[in-house]
């Protein structure tokens, strides 16, 4: 998966005059903070150099994860076409770009972001490309949600890992109150990220939400540690991306986990492929999370006819 061409070009214009050594050091600092899941009260992207590092090394991956999550949401609710978006912890507008690519008729977007440096870059990126009426607002996601207007689609991507756990239930409750139709939360695809999503999932079910994706059921998650639910998207690396990370491979795999919940039930519940398929000569083994609440492996062979043809086209994260 790649960034939309207009976004890629806008990013390149911002980064073209940044010295490579400066960008590499900023990228390393940012990466270390993300991996450590630091919650020290400092914004990951408070300074211009950190924002530039994010554009070069993290934006393509987070965009891919968000877009994949939105695609799954749209597949579960094909009638859903949001007119308004509220993105909490918006960064440089990653969700805004993915949403507008999927639903170009989006009319209005409010993006809440604490970092002034990030808001400035986000406004620059979107200035000549996003048609939705977009407002960037300063705010802390844990304390500044009270005065916001509800929206059809409310999103929160790669934010919960930066917040003190004790603050999360109140924040999630407020996000759900602001949701007129569907709420999407995306997190890194780590065991810790999965645990955060499990807590959000349980809270939303208790509040009466209908799960759209990835779960095909409302019962407790059937997976147990050390196994955990997550998905992956392969992301193309630009030349600058490779240089900033001293990487030789022209791609990377972004692991993520998400939950999409709505005030409206999905018309059909389908199983979800929750691990990379294992293919062999005339056979494919799929690990499926199923509508009955179970997770099991199913083997499809040529003897299964059309079912086998469908199964061998499925990928990790697809509905089955």
C-alpha atoms as a PDB file:
ATOM      1  CA  UNK A   1       0.000   0.000   0.000  1.00  0.00           C
ATOM      2  CA  UNK A   2       1.191   3.516  -0.795  1.00  0.00           C
ATOM      3  CA  UNK A   3       0.172   7.030   0.189  1.00  0.00           C
ATOM      4  CA  UNK A   4      -2.173   8.887  -2.179  1.00  0.00           C
ATOM      5  CA  UNK A   5      -0.100  10.633  -4.834  1.00  0.00           C
ATOM      6  CA  UNK A   6      -1.111  14.142  -3.749  1.00  0.00           C
ATOM      7  CA  UNK A   7      -0.176  13.394  -0.125  1.00  0.00           C
ATOM      8  CA  UNK A   8       3.141  11.840  -1.142  1.00  0.00           C
ATOM      9  CA  UNK A   9       4.006  14.919  -3.202  1.00  0.00           C
ATOM     10  CA  UNK A  10       3.074  17.284  -0.379  1.00  0.00           C
ATOM     11  CA  UNK A  11       5.241  15.311   2.062  1.00  0.00           C
ATOM     12  CA  UNK A  12       8.179  15.365  -0.363  1.00  0.00           C
ATOM     13  CA  UNK A  13       7.946  19.155  -0.640  1.00  0.00           C
ATOM     14  CA  UNK A  14       8.175  19.521   3.129  1.00  0.00           C
ATOM     15  CA  UNK A  15      11.106  17.127   3.464  1.00  0.00           C
ATOM     16  CA  UNK A  16      13.165  18.002   0.403  1.00  0.00           C
ATOM     17  CA  UNK A  17      15.506  20.452   2.169  1.00  0.00           C
ATOM     18  CA  UNK A  18      15.961  18.566   5.452  1.00  0.00           C
ATOM     19  CA  UNK A  19      19.572  17.342   5.991  1.00  0.00           C
ATOM     20  CA  UNK A  20      19.618  13.549   6.045  1.00  0.00           C
ATOM     21  CA  UNK A  21      21.674  13.188   9.281  1.00  0.00           C
ATOM     22  CA  UNK A  22      19.155  15.379  11.113  1.00  0.00           C
ATOM     23  CA  UNK A  23      16.253  13.364   9.734  1.00  0.00           C
ATOM     24  CA  UNK A  24      17.873  10.034  10.656  1.00  0.00           C
ATOM     25  CA  UNK A  25      18.471  11.106  14.258  1.00  0.00           C
ATOM     26  CA  UNK A  26      14.926  12.416  14.584  1.00  0.00           C
ATOM     27  CA  UNK A  27      13.554   9.174  13.136  1.00  0.00           C
ATOM     28  CA  UNK A  28      15.519   7.099  15.649  1.00  0.00           C
ATOM     29  CA  UNK A  29      14.325   9.210  18.584  1.00  0.00           C
ATOM     30  CA  UNK A  30      10.726   8.976  17.449  1.00  0.00           C
ATOM     31  CA  UNK A  31      10.953   5.230  16.867  1.00  0.00           C
ATOM     32  CA  UNK A  32      12.457   4.640  20.321  1.00  0.00           C
ATOM     33  CA  UNK A  33       9.620   6.554  21.972  1.00  0.00           C
ATOM     34  CA  UNK A  34       6.957   4.619  20.088  1.00  0.00           C
ATOM     35  CA  UNK A  35       8.507   1.239  20.839  1.00  0.00           C
ATOM     36  CA  UNK A  36       8.888   2.052  24.528  1.00  0.00           C
ATOM     37  CA  UNK A  37       5.258   3.318  24.665  1.00  0.00           C
ATOM     38  CA  UNK A  38       6.484   6.212  26.815  1.00  0.00           C
ATOM     39  CA  UNK A  39       3.854   8.052  28.832  1.00  0.00           C
ATOM     40  CA  UNK A  40       6.034  10.776  30.314  1.00  0.00           C
ATOM     41  CA  UNK A  41       3.738  13.699  29.581  1.00  0.00           C
ATOM     42  CA  UNK A  42       5.757  14.783  26.532  1.00  0.00           C
ATOM     43  CA  UNK A  43       4.192  14.744  23.100  1.00  0.00           C
ATOM     44  CA  UNK A  44       5.899  12.391  20.657  1.00  0.00           C
ATOM     45  CA  UNK A  45       5.691  15.113  18.012  1.00  0.00           C
ATOM     46  CA  UNK A  46       6.048  18.368  19.903  1.00  0.00           C
ATOM     47  CA  UNK A  47       8.935  19.665  17.793  1.00  0.00           C
ATOM     48  CA  UNK A  48       9.268  20.308  14.068  1.00  0.00           C
ATOM     49  CA  UNK A  49      12.072  17.748  13.656  1.00  0.00           C
ATOM     50  CA  UNK A  50       9.907  14.992  15.172  1.00  0.00           C
ATOM     51  CA  UNK A  51       7.018  15.853  12.846  1.00  0.00           C
ATOM     52  CA  UNK A  52       9.310  15.623   9.836  1.00  0.00           C
ATOM     53  CA  UNK A  53      10.629  12.271  11.028  1.00  0.00           C
ATOM     54  CA  UNK A  54       7.067  11.055  11.372  1.00  0.00           C
ATOM     55  CA  UNK A  55       6.235  12.143   7.813  1.00  0.00           C
ATOM     56  CA  UNK A  56       9.257  10.314   6.457  1.00  0.00           C
ATOM     57  CA  UNK A  57       9.059   7.081   8.441  1.00  0.00           C
ATOM     58  CA  UNK A  58       5.680   6.585  10.142  1.00  0.00           C
ATOM     59  CA  UNK A  59       3.007   8.287   8.039  1.00  0.00           C
ATOM     60  CA  UNK A  60       2.940   5.617   5.287  1.00  0.00           C
ATOM     61  CA  UNK A  61       2.549   2.820   7.838  1.00  0.00           C
ATOM     62  CA  UNK A  62      -0.124   4.495   9.952  1.00  0.00           C
ATOM     63  CA  UNK A  63      -1.996   5.488   6.801  1.00  0.00           C
ATOM     64  CA  UNK A  64      -1.982   1.860   5.632  1.00  0.00           C
ATOM     65  CA  UNK A  65      -3.287   0.599   8.985  1.00  0.00           C
ATOM     66  CA  UNK A  66      -6.019   3.230   9.153  1.00  0.00           C
ATOM     67  CA  UNK A  67      -7.085   2.677   5.567  1.00  0.00           C
ATOM     68  CA  UNK A  68      -7.251  -1.099   6.048  1.00  0.00           C
ATOM     69  CA  UNK A  69      -9.382  -0.609   9.174  1.00  0.00           C
ATOM     70  CA  UNK A  70     -11.719   1.795   7.358  1.00  0.00           C
ATOM     71  CA  UNK A  71     -12.016  -0.661   4.462  1.00  0.00           C
ATOM     72  CA  UNK A  72     -13.099  -3.407   6.869  1.00  0.00           C
ATOM     73  CA  UNK A  73     -15.617  -1.036   8.451  1.00  0.00           C
ATOM     74  CA  UNK A  74     -17.023  -0.113   5.031  1.00  0.00           C
ATOM     75  CA  UNK A  75     -17.272  -3.764   4.024  1.00  0.00           C
ATOM     76  CA  UNK A  76     -19.267  -4.554   7.177  1.00  0.00           C
ATOM     77  CA  UNK A  77     -21.563  -1.544   6.677  1.00  0.00           C
ATOM     78  CA  UNK A  78     -21.756  -0.846   2.914  1.00  0.00           C
ATOM     79  CA  UNK A  79     -24.598   1.629   3.512  1.00  0.00           C
ATOM     80  CA  UNK A  80     -22.442   3.834   5.749  1.00  0.00           C
ATOM     81  CA  UNK A  81     -21.308   7.056   4.067  1.00  0.00           C
ATOM     82  CA  UNK A  82     -20.220   9.558   6.715  1.00  0.00           C
ATOM     83  CA  UNK A  83     -20.735  13.261   6.136  1.00  0.00           C
ATOM     84  CA  UNK A  84     -18.914  14.368   9.280  1.00  0.00           C
ATOM     85  CA  UNK A  85     -15.670  13.219  10.892  1.00  0.00           C
ATOM     86  CA  UNK A  86     -14.215  13.824  14.341  1.00  0.00           C
ATOM     87  CA  UNK A  87     -10.614  12.624  14.600  1.00  0.00           C
ATOM     88  CA  UNK A  88      -9.149  12.722  18.100  1.00  0.00           C
ATOM     89  CA  UNK A  89      -5.360  12.842  18.350  1.00  0.00           C
ATOM     90  CA  UNK A  90      -5.265  13.581  14.642  1.00  0.00           C
ATOM     91  CA  UNK A  91      -1.528  13.905  14.065  1.00  0.00           C
ATOM     92  CA  UNK A  92      -0.897  15.423  10.626  1.00  0.00           C
ATOM     93  CA  UNK A  93      -4.301  14.315   9.336  1.00  0.00           C
ATOM     94  CA  UNK A  94      -3.645  10.661   8.536  1.00  0.00           C
ATOM     95  CA  UNK A  95      -7.242   9.597   9.192  1.00  0.00           C
ATOM     96  CA  UNK A  96      -8.590  12.591   7.274  1.00  0.00           C
ATOM     97  CA  UNK A  97      -6.700  11.565   4.138  1.00  0.00           C
ATOM     98  CA  UNK A  98      -7.743   7.911   4.400  1.00  0.00           C
ATOM     99  CA  UNK A  99     -11.375   8.855   5.036  1.00  0.00           C
ATOM    100  CA  UNK A 100     -11.537  11.248   2.098  1.00  0.00           C
ATOM    101  CA  UNK A 101      -9.961   8.637  -0.187  1.00  0.00           C
ATOM    102  CA  UNK A 102     -12.670   6.145   0.773  1.00  0.00           C
ATOM    103  CA  UNK A 103     -15.587   8.571   1.130  1.00  0.00           C
ATOM    104  CA  UNK A 104     -14.874  11.601  -1.104  1.00  0.00           C
ATOM    105  CA  UNK A 105     -18.261  13.142  -0.241  1.00  0.00           C
ATOM    106  CA  UNK A 106     -17.194  13.813   3.345  1.00  0.00           C
ATOM    107  CA  UNK A 107     -18.443  17.335   4.088  1.00  0.00           C
ATOM    108  CA  UNK A 108     -16.931  18.384   7.401  1.00  0.00           C
ATOM    109  CA  UNK A 109     -14.024  17.272   9.600  1.00  0.00           C
ATOM    110  CA  UNK A 110     -12.868  18.404  13.035  1.00  0.00           C
ATOM    111  CA  UNK A 111      -9.345  17.322  13.935  1.00  0.00           C
ATOM    112  CA  UNK A 112      -8.270  17.553  17.575  1.00  0.00           C
ATOM    113  CA  UNK A 113      -4.496  17.628  18.044  1.00  0.00           C
ATOM    114  CA  UNK A 114      -2.421  18.893  20.979  1.00  0.00           C
ATOM    115  CA  UNK A 115       0.817  19.621  19.109  1.00  0.00           C
ATOM    116  CA  UNK A 116       0.970  22.992  17.366  1.00  0.00           C
ATOM    117  CA  UNK A 117       3.817  21.738  15.160  1.00  0.00           C
ATOM    118  CA  UNK A 118       1.716  18.817  13.942  1.00  0.00           C
ATOM    119  CA  UNK A 119      -1.365  20.966  13.340  1.00  0.00           C
ATOM    120  CA  UNK A 120       0.686  23.368  11.214  1.00  0.00           C
ATOM    121  CA  UNK A 121       2.044  20.558   9.044  1.00  0.00           C
ATOM    122  CA  UNK A 122      -1.373  18.920   8.785  1.00  0.00           C
ATOM    123  CA  UNK A 123      -2.945  22.138   7.564  1.00  0.00           C
ATOM    124  CA  UNK A 124      -0.180  22.529   4.992  1.00  0.00           C
ATOM    125  CA  UNK A 125      -0.600  18.990   3.673  1.00  0.00           C
ATOM    126  CA  UNK A 126      -4.380  19.274   3.330  1.00  0.00           C
ATOM    127  CA  UNK A 127      -4.583  22.861   2.065  1.00  0.00           C
ATOM    128  CA  UNK A 128      -4.971  22.244  -1.666  1.00  0.00           C
ATOM    129  CA  UNK A 129      -6.113  18.615  -1.670  1.00  0.00           C
ATOM    130  CA  UNK A 130      -8.900  18.021   0.891  1.00  0.00           C
ATOM    131  CA  UNK A 131     -12.316  19.298  -0.180  1.00  0.00           C
ATOM    132  CA  UNK A 132     -14.117  18.664   3.128  1.00  0.00           C
ATOM    133  CA  UNK A 133     -14.467  21.736   5.346  1.00  0.00           C
ATOM    134  CA  UNK A 134     -11.699  21.032   7.848  1.00  0.00           C
ATOM    135  CA  UNK A 135     -11.081  22.618  11.244  1.00  0.00           C
ATOM    136  CA  UNK A 136      -7.959  21.939  13.286  1.00  0.00           C
ATOM    137  CA  UNK A 137      -8.419  22.424  17.013  1.00  0.00           C
ATOM    138  CA  UNK A 138      -5.877  22.365  19.832  1.00  0.00           C
ATOM    139  CA  UNK A 139      -6.769  20.009  22.627  1.00  0.00           C
ATOM    140  CA  UNK A 140      -5.741  17.223  24.993  1.00  0.00           C
ATOM    141  CA  UNK A 141      -7.669  14.051  24.170  1.00  0.00           C
ATOM    142  CA  UNK A 142      -8.079  13.191  27.852  1.00  0.00           C
ATOM    143  CA  UNK A 143      -9.579  16.480  29.047  1.00  0.00           C
ATOM    144  CA  UNK A 144     -10.771  18.540  26.053  1.00  0.00           C
ATOM    145  CA  UNK A 145     -13.597  16.409  24.627  1.00  0.00           C
ATOM    146  CA  UNK A 146     -16.469  18.038  26.493  1.00  0.00           C
ATOM    147  CA  UNK A 147     -17.319  20.836  24.063  1.00  0.00           C
ATOM    148  CA  UNK A 148     -16.983  18.937  20.792  1.00  0.00           C
ATOM    149  CA  UNK A 149     -19.830  18.352  18.368  1.00  0.00           C
ATOM    150  CA  UNK A 150     -20.866  14.751  17.604  1.00  0.00           C
ATOM    151  CA  UNK A 151     -19.965  13.277  14.222  1.00  0.00           C
ATOM    152  CA  UNK A 152     -21.051  10.383  12.012  1.00  0.00           C
ATOM    153  CA  UNK A 153     -17.562   8.877  12.183  1.00  0.00           C
ATOM    154  CA  UNK A 154     -15.358   9.309  15.251  1.00  0.00           C
ATOM    155  CA  UNK A 155     -11.785   8.054  15.077  1.00  0.00           C
ATOM    156  CA  UNK A 156      -8.798   7.677  17.371  1.00  0.00           C
ATOM    157  CA  UNK A 157      -5.699   6.136  15.777  1.00  0.00           C
ATOM    158  CA  UNK A 158      -2.403   5.321  17.473  1.00  0.00           C
ATOM    159  CA  UNK A 159      -3.321   7.416  20.501  1.00  0.00           C
ATOM    160  CA  UNK A 160      -4.249   5.104  23.388  1.00  0.00           C
ATOM    161  CA  UNK A 161      -0.667   3.881  23.746  1.00  0.00           C
ATOM    162  CA  UNK A 162       0.388   7.408  24.743  1.00  0.00           C
ATOM    163  CA  UNK A 163      -2.249   7.812  27.470  1.00  0.00           C
ATOM    164  CA  UNK A 164      -2.173   6.798  31.119  1.00  0.00           C
ATOM    165  CA  UNK A 165      -4.371   3.664  31.411  1.00  0.00           C
ATOM    166  CA  UNK A 166      -6.476   5.138  34.214  1.00  0.00           C
ATOM    167  CA  UNK A 167      -7.672   7.884  31.837  1.00  0.00           C
ATOM    168  CA  UNK A 168      -8.840   5.531  29.081  1.00  0.00           C
ATOM    169  CA  UNK A 169     -12.325   4.426  30.252  1.00  0.00           C
ATOM    170  CA  UNK A 170     -13.579   7.996  30.652  1.00  0.00           C
ATOM    171  CA  UNK A 171     -12.063   8.984  27.313  1.00  0.00           C
ATOM    172  CA  UNK A 172     -13.628   6.019  25.482  1.00  0.00           C
ATOM    173  CA  UNK A 173     -16.978   6.754  27.089  1.00  0.00           C
ATOM    174  CA  UNK A 174     -16.835  10.332  25.804  1.00  0.00           C
ATOM    175  CA  UNK A 175     -15.795   9.195  22.314  1.00  0.00           C
ATOM    176  CA  UNK A 176     -18.825   6.904  22.198  1.00  0.00           C
ATOM    177  CA  UNK A 177     -21.110   9.739  23.342  1.00  0.00           C
ATOM    178  CA  UNK A 178     -19.770  11.842  20.457  1.00  0.00           C
ATOM    179  CA  UNK A 179     -20.448   9.066  17.934  1.00  0.00           C
ATOM    180  CA  UNK A 180     -23.719   9.399  16.030  1.00  0.00           C
ATOM    181  CA  UNK A 181     -22.998   6.297  13.941  1.00  0.00           C
ATOM    182  CA  UNK A 182     -19.580   4.607  14.033  1.00  0.00           C
ATOM    183  CA  UNK A 183     -16.434   4.740  16.192  1.00  0.00           C
ATOM    184  CA  UNK A 184     -13.067   3.420  14.994  1.00  0.00           C
ATOM    185  CA  UNK A 185     -10.048   2.972  17.261  1.00  0.00           C
ATOM    186  CA  UNK A 186      -6.711   1.751  15.863  1.00  0.00           C
ATOM    187  CA  UNK A 187      -3.647   0.722  17.878  1.00  0.00           C
ATOM    188  CA  UNK A 188      -0.221  -0.808  17.230  1.00  0.00           C
ATOM    189  CA  UNK A 189      -0.449  -4.553  16.652  1.00  0.00           C
ATOM    190  CA  UNK A 190       1.451  -5.537  19.781  1.00  0.00           C
ATOM    191  CA  UNK A 191       0.212  -7.709  22.658  1.00  0.00           C
ATOM    192  CA  UNK A 192      -0.161  -4.505  24.709  1.00  0.00           C
ATOM    193  CA  UNK A 193      -2.103  -2.838  21.883  1.00  0.00           C
ATOM    194  CA  UNK A 194      -4.409  -5.859  21.692  1.00  0.00           C
ATOM    195  CA  UNK A 195      -5.053  -5.676  25.442  1.00  0.00           C
ATOM    196  CA  UNK A 196      -6.032  -2.009  25.124  1.00  0.00           C
ATOM    197  CA  UNK A 197      -8.398  -2.835  22.266  1.00  0.00           C
ATOM    198  CA  UNK A 198      -9.900  -5.708  24.279  1.00  0.00           C
ATOM    199  CA  UNK A 199     -10.661  -3.276  27.125  1.00  0.00           C
ATOM    200  CA  UNK A 200     -12.227  -0.779  24.693  1.00  0.00           C
ATOM    201  CA  UNK A 201     -14.190  -3.583  23.025  1.00  0.00           C
ATOM    202  CA  UNK A 202     -15.647  -4.749  26.352  1.00  0.00           C
ATOM    203  CA  UNK A 203     -16.538  -1.185  27.347  1.00  0.00           C
ATOM    204  CA  UNK A 204     -18.313  -0.498  24.047  1.00  0.00           C
ATOM    205  CA  UNK A 205     -20.273  -3.757  24.160  1.00  0.00           C
ATOM    206  CA  UNK A 206     -21.400  -2.885  27.701  1.00  0.00           C
ATOM    207  CA  UNK A 207     -22.538   0.502  26.363  1.00  0.00           C
ATOM    208  CA  UNK A 208     -24.739  -1.181  23.746  1.00  0.00           C
ATOM    209  CA  UNK A 209     -22.485  -0.851  20.700  1.00  0.00           C
ATOM    210  CA  UNK A 210     -22.595  -3.253  17.769  1.00  0.00           C
ATOM    211  CA  UNK A 211     -19.173  -4.536  16.710  1.00  0.00           C
ATOM    212  CA  UNK A 212     -18.553  -4.223  12.975  1.00  0.00           C
ATOM    213  CA  UNK A 213     -14.925  -5.332  12.617  1.00  0.00           C
ATOM    214  CA  UNK A 214     -12.694  -7.157  13.008  1.00  0.00           C
ATOM    215  CA  UNK A 215     -14.755  -9.262  15.405  1.00  0.00           C
ATOM    216  CA  UNK A 216     -17.656 -11.220  13.852  1.00  0.00           C
ATOM    217  CA  UNK A 217     -19.273 -11.646  17.279  1.00  0.00           C
ATOM    218  CA  UNK A 218     -19.886  -9.879  20.599  1.00  0.00           C
ATOM    219  CA  UNK A 219     -18.702 -12.727  22.832  1.00  0.00           C
ATOM    220  CA  UNK A 220     -15.333 -12.708  24.643  1.00  0.00           C
ATOM    221  CA  UNK A 221     -12.261 -12.916  22.420  1.00  0.00           C
ATOM    222  CA  UNK A 222     -11.373 -16.605  21.900  1.00  0.00           C
ATOM    223  CA  UNK A 223      -7.610 -15.979  21.758  1.00  0.00           C
ATOM    224  CA  UNK A 224      -5.364 -16.420  24.761  1.00  0.00           C
ATOM    225  CA  UNK A 225      -1.803 -15.198  25.347  1.00  0.00           C
ATOM    226  CA  UNK A 226       0.821 -15.703  24.049  1.00  0.00           C
ATOM    227  CA  UNK A 227      -1.419 -15.567  20.953  1.00  0.00           C
ATOM    228  CA  UNK A 228      -3.005 -12.193  20.195  1.00  0.00           C
ATOM    229  CA  UNK A 229      -5.215 -10.690  17.526  1.00  0.00           C
ATOM    230  CA  UNK A 230      -3.532  -8.324  15.072  1.00  0.00           C
ATOM    231  CA  UNK A 231      -3.211  -7.725  11.356  1.00  0.00           C
ATOM    232  CA  UNK A 232      -0.574  -6.542   8.905  1.00  0.00           C
ATOM    233  CA  UNK A 233      -0.237  -4.363   5.814  1.00  0.00           C
ATOM    234  CA  UNK A 234       2.801  -4.225   3.570  1.00  0.00           C
ATOM    235  CA  UNK A 235       3.903  -0.639   3.045  1.00  0.00           C
ATOM    236  CA  UNK A 236       6.085   0.655   0.214  1.00  0.00           C
ATOM    237  CA  UNK A 237       9.102   2.643   1.405  1.00  0.00           C
ATOM    238  CA  UNK A 238      10.164   5.728  -0.494  1.00  0.00           C
ATOM    239  CA  UNK A 239      13.859   6.361  -1.124  1.00  0.00           C
ATOM    240  CA  UNK A 240      13.928   8.931   1.695  1.00  0.00           C
ATOM    241  CA  UNK A 241      12.135   6.497   4.005  1.00  0.00           C
ATOM    242  CA  UNK A 242      14.829   3.862   3.381  1.00  0.00           C
ATOM    243  CA  UNK A 243      17.641   6.368   3.907  1.00  0.00           C
ATOM    244  CA  UNK A 244      16.129   7.736   7.131  1.00  0.00           C
ATOM    245  CA  UNK A 245      15.884   4.232   8.613  1.00  0.00           C
ATOM    246  CA  UNK A 246      19.085   2.808   7.056  1.00  0.00           C
ATOM    247  CA  UNK A 247      16.854   0.180   5.470  1.00  0.00           C
ATOM    248  CA  UNK A 248      17.670  -1.862   2.375  1.00  0.00           C
ATOM    249  CA  UNK A 249      14.315  -3.560   1.823  1.00  0.00           C
ATOM    250  CA  UNK A 250      11.882  -1.379  -0.205  1.00  0.00           C
ATOM    251  CA  UNK A 251       8.927  -2.273   2.009  1.00  0.00           C
ATOM    252  CA  UNK A 252       7.951  -2.864   5.634  1.00  0.00           C
ATOM    253  CA  UNK A 253       5.076  -4.651   7.348  1.00  0.00           C
ATOM    254  CA  UNK A 254       2.936  -2.555   9.674  1.00  0.00           C
ATOM    255  CA  UNK A 255       1.243  -4.571  12.420  1.00  0.00           C
ATOM    256  CA  UNK A 256      -1.955  -3.095  13.844  1.00  0.00           C
ATOM    257  CA  UNK A 257      -5.164  -3.923  15.694  1.00  0.00           C
ATOM    258  CA  UNK A 258      -8.457  -2.052  15.678  1.00  0.00           C
ATOM    259  CA  UNK A 259     -12.090  -2.115  16.696  1.00  0.00           C
ATOM    260  CA  UNK A 260     -14.991  -0.590  14.773  1.00  0.00           C
ATOM    261  CA  UNK A 261     -18.267  -0.228  16.670  1.00  0.00           C
ATOM    262  CA  UNK A 262     -21.552   1.257  15.557  1.00  0.00           C
ATOM    263  CA  UNK A 263     -24.978   2.218  16.770  1.00  0.00           C
ATOM    264  CA  UNK A 264     -26.257   0.065  13.896  1.00  0.00           C
ATOM    265  CA  UNK A 265     -25.668  -3.662  13.508  1.00  0.00           C
ATOM    266  CA  UNK A 266     -23.815  -5.086  10.516  1.00  0.00           C
ATOM    267  CA  UNK A 267     -26.285  -6.700   8.084  1.00  0.00           C
ATOM    268  CA  UNK A 268     -24.147  -9.856   7.822  1.00  0.00           C
ATOM    269  CA  UNK A 269     -21.475 -11.272  10.102  1.00  0.00           C
ATOM    270  CA  UNK A 270     -18.605 -13.025   8.334  1.00  0.00           C
ATOM    271  CA  UNK A 271     -15.651 -14.940   9.733  1.00  0.00           C
ATOM    272  CA  UNK A 272     -12.306 -13.118   9.821  1.00  0.00           C
ATOM    273  CA  UNK A 273      -8.905 -14.490   8.775  1.00  0.00           C
ATOM    274  CA  UNK A 274      -6.769 -13.829  11.857  1.00  0.00           C
ATOM    275  CA  UNK A 275      -3.386 -15.214  10.766  1.00  0.00           C
ATOM    276  CA  UNK A 276      -1.379 -15.477   7.539  1.00  0.00           C
ATOM    277  CA  UNK A 277      -2.869 -18.249   5.374  1.00  0.00           C
ATOM    278  CA  UNK A 278      -0.771 -21.406   4.997  1.00  0.00           C
ATOM    279  CA  UNK A 279      -0.856 -22.581   1.404  1.00  0.00           C
ATOM    280  CA  UNK A 280       0.365 -25.815  -0.137  1.00  0.00           C
ATOM    281  CA  UNK A 281      -0.191 -27.812  -3.292  1.00  0.00           C
ATOM    282  CA  UNK A 282      -3.955 -27.911  -3.743  1.00  0.00           C
ATOM    283  CA  UNK A 283      -4.724 -26.791  -0.193  1.00  0.00           C
ATOM    284  CA  UNK A 284      -4.905 -23.748   2.057  1.00  0.00           C
ATOM    285  CA  UNK A 285      -5.196 -23.600   5.851  1.00  0.00           C
ATOM    286  CA  UNK A 286      -7.027 -20.588   7.309  1.00  0.00           C
ATOM    287  CA  UNK A 287      -7.225 -19.552  10.946  1.00  0.00           C
ATOM    288  CA  UNK A 288     -10.666 -18.017  11.365  1.00  0.00           C
ATOM    289  CA  UNK A 289     -12.468 -16.070  14.059  1.00  0.00           C
ATOM    290  CA  UNK A 290     -16.070 -17.125  13.498  1.00  0.00           C
ATOM    291  CA  UNK A 291     -19.524 -15.681  14.203  1.00  0.00           C
ATOM    292  CA  UNK A 292     -20.195 -18.325  16.872  1.00  0.00           C
ATOM    293  CA  UNK A 293     -17.401 -16.827  18.980  1.00  0.00           C
ATOM    294  CA  UNK A 294     -14.790 -19.500  18.318  1.00  0.00           C
ATOM    295  CA  UNK A 295     -11.394 -19.387  16.655  1.00  0.00           C
ATOM    296  CA  UNK A 296     -10.287 -22.436  14.708  1.00  0.00           C
ATOM    297  CA  UNK A 297      -8.230 -23.564  11.745  1.00  0.00           C
ATOM    298  CA  UNK A 298     -10.032 -24.798   8.642  1.00  0.00           C
ATOM    299  CA  UNK A 299      -8.419 -26.705   5.791  1.00  0.00           C
ATOM    300  CA  UNK A 300      -9.710 -26.167   2.256  1.00  0.00           C
ATOM    301  CA  UNK A 301      -8.641 -28.416  -0.606  1.00  0.00           C
ATOM    302  CA  UNK A 302      -9.493 -28.753  -4.274  1.00  0.00           C
ATOM    303  CA  UNK A 303     -12.197 -31.179  -3.269  1.00  0.00           C
ATOM    304  CA  UNK A 304     -14.073 -28.225  -1.791  1.00  0.00           C
ATOM    305  CA  UNK A 305     -14.548 -26.736  -5.271  1.00  0.00           C
ATOM    306  CA  UNK A 306     -15.667 -23.091  -5.162  1.00  0.00           C
ATOM    307  CA  UNK A 307     -14.952 -22.820  -1.440  1.00  0.00           C
ATOM    308  CA  UNK A 308     -11.312 -23.676  -2.150  1.00  0.00           C
ATOM    309  CA  UNK A 309     -11.118 -21.070  -4.927  1.00  0.00           C
ATOM    310  CA  UNK A 310     -12.443 -18.423  -2.545  1.00  0.00           C
ATOM    311  CA  UNK A 311     -10.247 -19.542   0.353  1.00  0.00           C
ATOM    312  CA  UNK A 312      -6.978 -19.357  -1.596  1.00  0.00           C
ATOM    313  CA  UNK A 313      -7.693 -15.737  -2.530  1.00  0.00           C
ATOM    314  CA  UNK A 314      -8.147 -14.652   1.077  1.00  0.00           C
ATOM    315  CA  UNK A 315      -5.439 -12.811   2.982  1.00  0.00           C
ATOM    316  CA  UNK A 316      -4.729 -12.041   6.628  1.00  0.00           C
ATOM    317  CA  UNK A 317      -7.435  -9.689   7.892  1.00  0.00           C
ATOM    318  CA  UNK A 318     -10.010 -10.456   5.187  1.00  0.00           C
ATOM    319  CA  UNK A 319     -13.581 -11.416   5.956  1.00  0.00           C
ATOM    320  CA  UNK A 320     -14.318 -14.961   4.862  1.00  0.00           C
END
